[in-house]
């Protein structure tokens, strides 16, 4: 568990290792964050070595955009290849991890603007589960405690 004042890198990686399930929320800016990409590779490593359950959520991005690394994923990854030209294998691992996660079963969350200009989430299993406050995934019951917060969206 991360506590205030902890060094985030080793603590976060240890928390990922000790988790039974990881939820990866992929968004338009995901590939711009080396932190997110490092966490992703760690999560997928734990999925392989520790049989950790992984749920992918695609928020305002299409799974094929992630898999093929096009649209909002193309430029950030190209920039990372320039930035890490002396460690190109790192970027290749990130690219491979994005392809793998895009091939996992998961959920898609989109935004529409029909509700008088306010964004609202399309109905889907993740939203319904979050609003109800819990979701059962592969026999695990997860309690998010976000029902009242998300109910206002």
Protein backbone atom coordinates (compact mmCIF):
# COMPACT_ATOMS: atom_id res chain seq x y z
CA UNK A 1 0.00 0.00 0.00
CA UNK A 2 1.27 3.47 -0.86
CA UNK A 3 1.49 5.81 2.09
CA UNK A 4 2.10 9.55 2.16
CA UNK A 5 5.84 10.21 1.99
CA UNK A 6 6.76 6.81 0.47
CA UNK A 7 9.22 6.71 -2.41
CA UNK A 8 6.73 6.07 -5.18
CA UNK A 9 8.77 3.94 -7.58
CA UNK A 10 9.77 0.95 -5.43
CA UNK A 11 6.61 1.17 -3.33
CA UNK A 12 4.36 1.26 -6.36
CA UNK A 13 6.15 -1.61 -8.08
CA UNK A 14 5.92 -3.66 -4.87
CA UNK A 15 2.21 -2.83 -4.59
CA UNK A 16 1.70 -4.05 -8.17
CA UNK A 17 3.57 -7.28 -7.36
CA UNK A 18 1.45 -7.90 -4.27
CA UNK A 19 -1.87 -7.22 -6.01
CA UNK A 20 -4.28 -9.96 -7.00
CA UNK A 21 -5.81 -7.85 -9.74
CA UNK A 22 -4.74 -4.81 -11.74
CA UNK A 23 -7.03 -2.48 -13.65
CA UNK A 24 -5.32 -0.64 -16.49
CA UNK A 25 -7.09 2.53 -17.56
CA UNK A 26 -5.88 3.44 -21.04
CA UNK A 27 -6.62 6.99 -22.14
CA UNK A 28 -5.55 9.35 -24.93
CA UNK A 29 -2.46 10.54 -23.04
CA UNK A 30 -1.42 7.12 -21.73
CA UNK A 31 1.54 6.69 -24.09
CA UNK A 32 2.91 10.09 -23.05
CA UNK A 33 3.63 8.83 -19.55
CA UNK A 34 6.75 6.73 -19.01
CA UNK A 35 5.37 5.99 -15.51
CA UNK A 36 2.22 4.47 -16.99
CA UNK A 37 4.24 2.46 -19.50
CA UNK A 38 6.60 1.17 -16.80
CA UNK A 39 3.64 0.21 -14.61
CA UNK A 40 2.03 -1.51 -17.59
CA UNK A 41 5.11 -3.65 -18.25
CA UNK A 42 5.25 -4.56 -14.54
CA UNK A 43 1.55 -5.47 -14.47
CA UNK A 44 1.92 -7.69 -17.54
CA UNK A 45 5.01 -9.29 -16.00
CA UNK A 46 2.95 -10.11 -12.89
CA UNK A 47 0.14 -11.42 -15.09
CA UNK A 48 2.63 -13.89 -16.59
CA UNK A 49 4.65 -14.84 -13.51
CA UNK A 50 2.09 -14.54 -10.71
CA UNK A 51 -1.12 -15.19 -12.67
CA UNK A 52 -2.33 -11.74 -11.61
CA UNK A 53 -5.72 -10.90 -13.09
CA UNK A 54 -5.72 -7.89 -15.38
CA UNK A 55 -8.68 -5.85 -16.56
CA UNK A 56 -8.18 -3.27 -19.28
CA UNK A 57 -10.43 -0.24 -19.58
CA UNK A 58 -10.25 1.86 -22.75
CA UNK A 59 -11.32 5.39 -21.89
CA UNK A 60 -12.03 7.51 -24.98
CA UNK A 61 -9.63 5.39 -27.05
CA UNK A 62 -10.33 2.50 -29.34
CA UNK A 63 -8.61 -0.79 -28.58
CA UNK A 64 -7.25 -0.91 -32.17
CA UNK A 65 -5.65 2.52 -31.62
CA UNK A 66 -3.73 1.03 -28.71
CA UNK A 67 -2.93 -2.24 -30.49
CA UNK A 68 -1.68 -0.57 -33.67
CA UNK A 69 -0.27 2.46 -31.83
CA UNK A 70 -1.96 4.95 -34.10
CA UNK A 71 -3.83 8.22 -33.49
CA UNK A 72 -2.99 9.60 -30.02
CA UNK A 73 -0.46 6.82 -29.39
CA UNK A 74 1.67 7.36 -32.51
CA UNK A 75 3.43 10.66 -31.76
CA UNK A 76 4.18 10.06 -28.06
CA UNK A 77 5.78 6.70 -28.87
CA UNK A 78 7.80 8.22 -31.71
CA UNK A 79 8.96 10.93 -29.28
CA UNK A 80 9.94 8.27 -26.75
CA UNK A 81 11.99 6.47 -29.41
CA UNK A 82 13.96 9.69 -29.94
CA UNK A 83 14.29 10.33 -26.22
CA UNK A 84 15.43 6.77 -25.48
CA UNK A 85 17.47 6.22 -28.65
CA UNK A 86 20.26 4.71 -26.52
CA UNK A 87 17.79 2.32 -24.87
CA UNK A 88 15.44 1.51 -27.74
CA UNK A 89 14.65 -1.90 -26.22
CA UNK A 90 12.76 -0.11 -23.44
CA UNK A 91 10.46 1.54 -25.98
CA UNK A 92 10.03 -1.77 -27.80
CA UNK A 93 8.96 -3.38 -24.50
CA UNK A 94 6.42 -0.59 -24.00
CA UNK A 95 5.11 -1.05 -27.55
CA UNK A 96 4.81 -4.79 -27.04
CA UNK A 97 3.03 -4.25 -23.70
CA UNK A 98 0.50 -1.93 -25.36
CA UNK A 99 -0.19 -4.56 -28.02
CA UNK A 100 -0.66 -7.25 -25.38
CA UNK A 101 -3.01 -5.17 -23.23
CA UNK A 102 -5.07 -4.22 -26.28
CA UNK A 103 -5.62 -7.93 -26.93
CA UNK A 104 -6.88 -8.62 -23.41
CA UNK A 105 -10.58 -8.65 -22.73
CA UNK A 106 -11.72 -5.41 -21.22
CA UNK A 107 -14.22 -2.58 -21.35
CA UNK A 108 -14.63 0.57 -23.36
CA UNK A 109 -15.70 3.87 -21.80
CA UNK A 110 -16.66 6.69 -24.11
CA UNK A 111 -17.94 10.19 -23.62
CA UNK A 112 -20.88 11.77 -25.34
CA UNK A 113 -22.10 15.35 -25.10
CA UNK A 114 -25.85 14.87 -25.46
CA UNK A 115 -26.69 15.81 -21.87
CA UNK A 116 -26.88 19.60 -22.48
CA UNK A 117 -23.16 19.82 -23.18
CA UNK A 118 -22.09 17.93 -20.07
CA UNK A 119 -20.03 14.83 -20.69
CA UNK A 120 -21.59 11.62 -19.50
CA UNK A 121 -20.32 8.08 -19.73
CA UNK A 122 -22.02 5.64 -22.05
CA UNK A 123 -23.75 2.86 -20.10
CA UNK A 124 -21.47 -0.15 -19.84
CA UNK A 125 -20.56 -2.82 -17.29
CA UNK A 126 -17.70 -0.84 -15.71
CA UNK A 127 -19.79 2.29 -15.17
CA UNK A 128 -22.68 0.32 -13.78
CA UNK A 129 -20.34 -1.55 -11.46
CA UNK A 130 -18.63 1.64 -10.30
CA UNK A 131 -21.90 3.41 -9.60
CA UNK A 132 -23.23 0.44 -7.68
CA UNK A 133 -20.00 0.55 -5.65
CA UNK A 134 -18.70 -2.94 -6.30
CA UNK A 135 -17.92 -5.35 -9.08
CA UNK A 136 -17.24 -9.05 -9.12
CA UNK A 137 -14.36 -9.98 -11.39
CA UNK A 138 -13.23 -13.58 -11.71
CA UNK A 139 -14.68 -14.42 -8.31
CA UNK A 140 -13.22 -11.37 -6.52
CA UNK A 141 -15.55 -8.78 -5.08
CA UNK A 142 -14.07 -5.29 -5.37
CA UNK A 143 -15.54 -2.37 -3.45
CA UNK A 144 -14.72 0.97 -5.04
CA UNK A 145 -16.75 3.23 -2.79
CA UNK A 146 -17.32 5.67 -5.64
CA UNK A 147 -21.06 5.26 -6.04
CA UNK A 148 -22.16 8.66 -4.81
CA UNK A 149 -19.33 10.46 -6.64
CA UNK A 150 -19.99 8.80 -10.00
CA UNK A 151 -23.74 8.97 -9.58
CA UNK A 152 -23.50 12.73 -10.06
CA UNK A 153 -21.75 12.41 -13.46
